[in-house]
Structure formats: C-alpha cells, structure tokens
C-alpha cells in the first residue's frame, strides 16, 4: 500500500510539472503567434505641426525588421523607436511598417498637416 501511495504521489508531481512546463511554453509562445505589433504615440493622427521637422515616436514588438516611410529604422531593447523627419508643407501620411521572422507584416500610419511657415 505504501508503494502505491508513493507511486501515486510521483505521478501527480510529474503531471503537475508537465502542466507547468506546458503552461509556461504556451505563455511564451504567444509572442510568436501574435505577429508584429506597432503603436505610434507621437504625432497624434490628424494633428497640425508648425515646425519643419516632426519626430515619430512609438513602440514595435515581435519584429525583426522595421521601416518608417520605407526607410530602415531601429528599436531599442524595449521596442521603442524614434525618428525625426522633414516632411514637406501640407498634408502628409507617415507610415511605420514591420515584419517578423516568419514574414508576417503589420503597419500603422498617422496623417498630419505640416503648416507652411513661409506664407503669411
């Protein structure tokens, strides 16, 4: 009887450990399953800028490659990106695009109006 109790306890412990390992694996795999995520925090979509430069700021997660207006861009270890551009006066759309290592793609855009400071 003692052997059966010990054997049952070992089986229960192995099952619990297996469930913990599978649960943790599933939790970590969500990053692979979600694909690229992009958030643009600045500038605000639809805003007007009274400057000759605009800095696009945001975060990108689960990516292997990032572009801002078709030019390669980089993130820090936390996924933050920042790039200063000089768009022409008028209505402009800035696009951040990313791909993950599996070829899945995502993009986000913000549209701004760059005010022409030369005309009064």
N, C-alpha and C. Protein backbone atom coordinates (compact mmCIF):
# COMPACT_ATOMS: atom_id res chain seq x y z
N UNK A 1 0.81 -1.19 0.00
CA UNK A 1 0.00 0.00 0.00
C UNK A 1 0.86 1.26 0.00
N UNK A 2 1.95 1.23 0.72
CA UNK A 2 2.85 2.38 0.77
C UNK A 2 3.45 2.66 -0.61
N UNK A 3 3.76 1.57 -1.33
CA UNK A 3 4.33 1.73 -2.66
C UNK A 3 3.33 2.39 -3.60
N UNK A 4 2.06 2.03 -3.47
CA UNK A 4 1.03 2.62 -4.31
C UNK A 4 0.87 4.11 -4.01
N UNK A 5 0.94 4.48 -2.75
CA UNK A 5 0.82 5.89 -2.38
C UNK A 5 2.00 6.69 -2.92
N UNK A 6 3.18 6.15 -2.80
CA UNK A 6 4.37 6.83 -3.31
C UNK A 6 4.29 6.96 -4.84
N UNK A 7 3.87 5.90 -5.48
CA UNK A 7 3.75 5.90 -6.92
C UNK A 7 2.70 6.92 -7.38
N UNK A 8 1.60 7.00 -6.68
CA UNK A 8 0.54 7.96 -6.99
C UNK A 8 1.05 9.38 -6.81
N UNK A 9 1.79 9.62 -5.75
CA UNK A 9 2.34 10.95 -5.50
C UNK A 9 3.33 11.35 -6.59
N UNK A 10 4.15 10.39 -7.03
CA UNK A 10 5.11 10.68 -8.10
C UNK A 10 4.39 11.02 -9.39
N UNK A 11 3.34 10.28 -9.69
CA UNK A 11 2.58 10.54 -10.91
C UNK A 11 1.93 11.93 -10.83
N UNK A 12 1.38 12.27 -9.69
CA UNK A 12 0.75 13.58 -9.51
C UNK A 12 1.78 14.69 -9.68
N UNK A 13 2.95 14.51 -9.10
CA UNK A 13 4.01 15.52 -9.21
C UNK A 13 4.47 15.67 -10.65
N UNK A 14 4.64 14.55 -11.37
CA UNK A 14 5.06 14.60 -12.77
C UNK A 14 3.99 15.30 -13.61
N UNK A 15 2.72 15.00 -13.37
CA UNK A 15 1.64 15.64 -14.12
C UNK A 15 1.62 17.15 -13.84
N UNK A 16 1.77 17.54 -12.59
CA UNK A 16 1.78 18.97 -12.24
C UNK A 16 2.96 19.67 -12.91
N UNK A 17 4.14 19.08 -12.87
CA UNK A 17 5.31 19.67 -13.52
C UNK A 17 5.11 19.78 -15.03
N UNK A 18 4.53 18.76 -15.63
CA UNK A 18 4.25 18.80 -17.05
C UNK A 18 3.27 19.92 -17.40
N UNK A 19 2.24 20.10 -16.59
CA UNK A 19 1.27 21.17 -16.82
C UNK A 19 1.93 22.55 -16.67
N UNK A 20 2.82 22.69 -15.70
CA UNK A 20 3.52 23.96 -15.51
C UNK A 20 4.41 24.26 -16.71
N UNK A 21 5.14 23.27 -17.19
CA UNK A 21 6.02 23.47 -18.34
C UNK A 21 5.20 23.80 -19.58
N UNK A 22 4.11 23.09 -19.82
CA UNK A 22 3.25 23.38 -20.97
C UNK A 22 2.60 24.76 -20.86
N UNK A 23 2.18 25.12 -19.67
CA UNK A 23 1.57 26.44 -19.47
C UNK A 23 2.56 27.56 -19.73
N UNK A 24 3.78 27.41 -19.22
CA UNK A 24 4.81 28.42 -19.45
C UNK A 24 5.18 28.50 -20.93
N UNK A 25 5.28 27.34 -21.58
CA UNK A 25 5.59 27.31 -23.01
C UNK A 25 4.51 28.01 -23.83
N UNK A 26 3.26 27.78 -23.48
CA UNK A 26 2.15 28.45 -24.18
C UNK A 26 2.20 29.95 -23.96
N UNK A 27 2.51 30.36 -22.73
CA UNK A 27 2.60 31.78 -22.41
C UNK A 27 3.69 32.45 -23.23
N UNK A 28 4.84 31.84 -23.34
CA UNK A 28 5.94 32.42 -24.11
C UNK A 28 5.69 32.34 -25.61
N UNK A 29 4.96 31.33 -26.07
CA UNK A 29 4.69 31.17 -27.50
C UNK A 29 3.73 32.23 -28.02
N UNK A 30 2.99 32.89 -27.15
CA UNK A 30 2.04 33.91 -27.60
C UNK A 30 2.75 35.00 -28.38
N UNK A 31 4.00 35.28 -28.06
CA UNK A 31 4.76 36.29 -28.79
C UNK A 31 4.96 35.87 -30.24
N UNK A 32 5.17 34.58 -30.45
CA UNK A 32 5.35 34.08 -31.80
C UNK A 32 4.04 34.04 -32.57
N UNK A 33 2.96 33.79 -31.87
CA UNK A 33 1.66 33.65 -32.52
C UNK A 33 1.02 34.99 -32.86
N UNK A 34 1.33 36.03 -32.10
CA UNK A 34 0.67 37.32 -32.29
C UNK A 34 1.13 38.06 -33.53
N UNK A 35 2.36 37.91 -33.93
CA UNK A 35 2.88 38.68 -35.06
C UNK A 35 3.30 40.07 -34.61
N UNK A 36 3.72 40.91 -35.56
CA UNK A 36 4.20 42.25 -35.23
C UNK A 36 3.10 43.14 -34.66
N UNK A 37 3.49 43.97 -33.70
CA UNK A 37 2.59 44.97 -33.11
C UNK A 37 3.27 46.32 -33.17
N UNK A 38 2.55 47.34 -33.66
CA UNK A 38 3.10 48.69 -33.77
C UNK A 38 2.14 49.67 -33.10
N UNK A 39 2.71 50.56 -32.28
CA UNK A 39 1.94 51.63 -31.67
C UNK A 39 2.69 52.93 -31.93
N UNK A 40 2.01 53.90 -32.53
CA UNK A 40 2.60 55.24 -32.75
C UNK A 40 2.02 56.16 -31.68
N UNK A 41 2.91 56.71 -30.83
CA UNK A 41 2.45 57.58 -29.75
C UNK A 41 2.54 59.06 -30.11
N UNK A 42 3.40 59.41 -31.08
CA UNK A 42 3.53 60.79 -31.50
C UNK A 42 4.05 60.81 -32.92
N UNK A 43 3.53 61.67 -33.76
CA UNK A 43 2.50 62.67 -33.56
C UNK A 43 1.11 62.03 -33.53
N UNK A 44 0.15 62.80 -33.05
CA UNK A 44 -1.23 62.34 -32.99
C UNK A 44 -1.84 62.41 -34.39
N UNK A 45 -2.56 61.36 -34.77
CA UNK A 45 -3.21 61.33 -36.08
C UNK A 45 -4.14 62.53 -36.24
N UNK A 46 -4.01 63.24 -37.35
CA UNK A 46 -4.85 64.40 -37.64
C UNK A 46 -4.33 65.71 -37.08
N UNK A 47 -3.18 65.69 -36.44
CA UNK A 47 -2.67 66.92 -35.83
C UNK A 47 -2.00 67.82 -36.86
N UNK A 48 -1.83 69.09 -36.48
CA UNK A 48 -1.13 70.07 -37.31
C UNK A 48 0.19 70.39 -36.64
N UNK A 49 1.24 70.43 -37.43
CA UNK A 49 2.59 70.66 -36.93
C UNK A 49 3.09 71.99 -37.49
N UNK A 50 3.55 72.88 -36.62
CA UNK A 50 4.06 74.19 -37.06
C UNK A 50 5.58 74.18 -36.98
N UNK A 51 6.19 73.15 -37.52
CA UNK A 51 7.64 73.01 -37.47
C UNK A 51 8.11 72.40 -38.78
N UNK A 52 9.38 72.58 -39.09
CA UNK A 52 9.92 71.98 -40.31
C UNK A 52 10.32 70.52 -40.09
N UNK A 53 10.33 70.09 -38.83
CA UNK A 53 10.65 68.69 -38.54
C UNK A 53 9.55 68.09 -37.66
N UNK A 54 9.41 66.79 -37.78
CA UNK A 54 8.46 66.06 -36.95
C UNK A 54 9.16 64.78 -36.49
N UNK A 55 8.98 64.45 -35.22
CA UNK A 55 9.56 63.23 -34.68
C UNK A 55 8.46 62.20 -34.49
N UNK A 56 8.63 61.07 -35.15
CA UNK A 56 7.67 59.98 -35.00
C UNK A 56 8.20 59.04 -33.92
N UNK A 57 7.36 58.79 -32.91
CA UNK A 57 7.75 58.03 -31.73
C UNK A 57 6.73 56.91 -31.51
N UNK A 58 7.21 55.76 -31.09
CA UNK A 58 6.30 54.67 -30.79
C UNK A 58 7.03 53.43 -30.32
N UNK A 59 6.30 52.31 -30.33
CA UNK A 59 6.88 51.03 -29.96
C UNK A 59 6.51 49.98 -31.00
N UNK A 60 7.38 49.02 -31.15
CA UNK A 60 7.15 47.89 -32.06
C UNK A 60 7.59 46.62 -31.34
N UNK A 61 6.71 45.64 -31.31
CA UNK A 61 7.01 44.38 -30.62
C UNK A 61 6.89 43.22 -31.60
N UNK A 62 7.61 42.16 -31.30
CA UNK A 62 7.59 40.93 -32.09
C UNK A 62 8.02 41.19 -33.53
N UNK A 63 9.08 41.96 -33.71
CA UNK A 63 9.52 42.32 -35.06
C UNK A 63 10.95 41.88 -35.30
N UNK A 64 11.29 41.75 -36.58
CA UNK A 64 12.69 41.53 -36.95
C UNK A 64 13.17 42.63 -37.90
N UNK A 65 12.22 43.40 -38.47
CA UNK A 65 12.58 44.47 -39.39
C UNK A 65 11.55 45.59 -39.28
N UNK A 66 12.02 46.85 -39.27
CA UNK A 66 11.14 48.00 -39.12
C UNK A 66 11.52 49.07 -40.13
N UNK A 67 10.51 49.70 -40.73
CA UNK A 67 10.74 50.84 -41.62
C UNK A 67 9.81 51.98 -41.22
N UNK A 68 10.28 53.18 -41.44
CA UNK A 68 9.46 54.38 -41.28
C UNK A 68 9.53 55.12 -42.61
N UNK A 69 8.39 55.26 -43.25
CA UNK A 69 8.31 55.83 -44.60
C UNK A 69 9.31 55.15 -45.54
N UNK A 70 9.32 53.84 -45.51
CA UNK A 70 10.13 52.97 -46.38
C UNK A 70 11.63 53.04 -46.13
N UNK A 71 12.07 53.74 -45.09
CA UNK A 71 13.49 53.77 -44.74
C UNK A 71 13.71 52.89 -43.51
N UNK A 72 14.77 52.10 -43.49
CA UNK A 72 15.03 51.24 -42.32
C UNK A 72 15.11 52.06 -41.03
N UNK A 73 14.52 51.53 -39.98
CA UNK A 73 14.53 52.19 -38.67
C UNK A 73 14.90 51.14 -37.62
N UNK A 74 15.25 51.62 -36.44
CA UNK A 74 15.74 50.73 -35.40
C UNK A 74 14.98 50.96 -34.11
N UNK A 75 14.94 49.90 -33.29
CA UNK A 75 14.32 49.99 -31.97
C UNK A 75 15.38 49.71 -30.91
N UNK A 76 15.09 50.17 -29.69
CA UNK A 76 15.96 49.80 -28.59
C UNK A 76 15.50 48.43 -28.07
N UNK A 77 16.09 47.96 -26.99
CA UNK A 77 15.76 46.62 -26.47
C UNK A 77 14.31 46.52 -26.01
N UNK A 78 13.70 47.62 -25.64
CA UNK A 78 12.31 47.62 -25.20
C UNK A 78 11.34 47.76 -26.37
N UNK A 79 11.86 47.94 -27.58
CA UNK A 79 10.99 48.08 -28.75
C UNK A 79 10.62 49.51 -29.08
N UNK A 80 11.22 50.49 -28.41
CA UNK A 80 10.92 51.90 -28.67
C UNK A 80 11.65 52.38 -29.93
N UNK A 81 10.96 53.17 -30.73
CA UNK A 81 11.60 53.79 -31.89
C UNK A 81 11.32 55.28 -31.89
N UNK A 82 12.21 56.02 -32.54
CA UNK A 82 12.08 57.46 -32.66
C UNK A 82 12.89 57.90 -33.88
N UNK A 83 12.25 58.68 -34.75
CA UNK A 83 12.95 59.17 -35.93
C UNK A 83 12.43 60.56 -36.26
N UNK A 84 13.34 61.48 -36.51
CA UNK A 84 12.97 62.85 -36.88
C UNK A 84 13.03 62.98 -38.40
N UNK A 85 11.92 63.46 -38.95
CA UNK A 85 11.80 63.63 -40.40
C UNK A 85 11.52 65.08 -40.74
N UNK A 86 11.73 65.45 -42.01
CA UNK A 86 11.41 66.79 -42.50
C UNK A 86 10.42 66.67 -43.64
N UNK A 87 9.14 66.48 -43.32
CA UNK A 87 8.14 66.35 -44.39
C UNK A 87 7.85 67.70 -45.04
N UNK A 88 7.38 67.68 -46.27
CA UNK A 88 7.06 68.94 -46.95
C UNK A 88 5.80 69.57 -46.33
N UNK A 89 5.61 70.86 -46.52
CA UNK A 89 4.39 71.51 -46.02
C UNK A 89 3.15 70.88 -46.66
N UNK A 90 2.08 70.86 -45.88
CA UNK A 90 0.83 70.30 -46.37
C UNK A 90 0.47 68.99 -45.67
N UNK A 91 -0.45 68.27 -46.25
CA UNK A 91 -0.95 67.02 -45.70
C UNK A 91 0.06 65.90 -45.97
N UNK A 92 0.44 65.19 -44.93
CA UNK A 92 1.43 64.11 -45.05
C UNK A 92 0.98 62.90 -44.25
N UNK A 93 1.23 61.73 -44.78
CA UNK A 93 0.98 60.48 -44.06
C UNK A 93 2.32 59.82 -43.78
N UNK A 94 2.55 59.51 -42.50
CA UNK A 94 3.77 58.82 -42.07
C UNK A 94 3.39 57.37 -41.78
N UNK A 95 4.16 56.43 -42.32
CA UNK A 95 3.83 55.01 -42.17
C UNK A 95 4.98 54.26 -41.53
N UNK A 96 4.66 53.51 -40.48
CA UNK A 96 5.61 52.61 -39.82
C UNK A 96 5.19 51.20 -40.19
N UNK A 97 6.12 50.43 -40.74
CA UNK A 97 5.83 49.05 -41.15
C UNK A 97 6.84 48.11 -40.51
N UNK A 98 6.40 46.90 -40.23
CA UNK A 98 7.28 45.92 -39.60
C UNK A 98 6.97 44.53 -40.12
N UNK A 99 7.97 43.67 -40.01
CA UNK A 99 7.81 42.25 -40.34
C UNK A 99 8.47 41.44 -39.24
N UNK A 100 7.92 40.27 -38.97
CA UNK A 100 8.56 39.38 -38.01
C UNK A 100 9.38 38.34 -38.76
N UNK A 101 10.00 37.46 -38.03
CA UNK A 101 10.90 36.50 -38.66
C UNK A 101 10.17 35.44 -39.47
N UNK A 102 8.83 35.40 -39.36
CA UNK A 102 8.04 34.45 -40.13
C UNK A 102 7.42 35.11 -41.36
N UNK A 103 7.76 36.39 -41.61
CA UNK A 103 7.26 37.09 -42.78
C UNK A 103 5.91 37.75 -42.58
N UNK A 104 5.35 37.67 -41.39
CA UNK A 104 4.08 38.36 -41.14
C UNK A 104 4.36 39.85 -41.04
N UNK A 105 3.44 40.64 -41.58
CA UNK A 105 3.64 42.09 -41.65
C UNK A 105 2.53 42.84 -40.94
N UNK A 106 2.88 44.04 -40.50
CA UNK A 106 1.91 44.95 -39.90
C UNK A 106 2.37 46.37 -40.22
N UNK A 107 1.42 47.29 -40.28
CA UNK A 107 1.80 48.70 -40.47
C UNK A 107 0.77 49.58 -39.79
N UNK A 108 1.23 50.76 -39.40
CA UNK A 108 0.38 51.80 -38.82
C UNK A 108 0.76 53.11 -39.48
N UNK A 109 -0.24 53.97 -39.67
CA UNK A 109 0.01 55.27 -40.28
C UNK A 109 -0.64 56.37 -39.45
N UNK A 110 -0.03 57.54 -39.51
CA UNK A 110 -0.64 58.75 -38.95
C UNK A 110 -0.58 59.81 -40.02
N UNK A 111 -1.64 60.59 -40.10
CA UNK A 111 -1.69 61.69 -41.06
C UNK A 111 -1.60 63.00 -40.30
N UNK A 112 -0.75 63.87 -40.79
CA UNK A 112 -0.55 65.17 -40.14
C UNK A 112 -0.59 66.26 -41.21
N UNK A 113 -0.77 67.47 -40.77
CA UNK A 113 -0.66 68.62 -41.65
C UNK A 113 0.52 69.45 -41.17
N UNK A 114 1.49 69.63 -42.06
CA UNK A 114 2.66 70.45 -41.76
C UNK A 114 2.34 71.86 -42.24
N UNK A 115 2.25 72.78 -41.31
CA UNK A 115 1.91 74.17 -41.64
C UNK A 115 3.07 74.84 -42.31
N UNK A 116 2.78 75.57 -43.39
CA UNK A 116 3.82 76.29 -44.14
C UNK A 116 4.09 77.61 -43.43
N UNK A 117 5.29 77.73 -42.84
CA UNK A 117 5.65 78.92 -42.09
C UNK A 117 6.11 80.07 -42.99
N UNK A 118 6.31 79.80 -44.28
CA UNK A 118 6.81 80.84 -45.20
C UNK A 118 5.70 81.74 -45.75
N UNK A 119 4.47 81.27 -45.71
CA UNK A 119 3.35 82.07 -46.24
C UNK A 119 2.59 82.72 -45.10
N UNK A 120 2.32 84.00 -45.25
CA UNK A 120 1.58 84.74 -44.21
C UNK A 120 0.17 85.01 -44.63
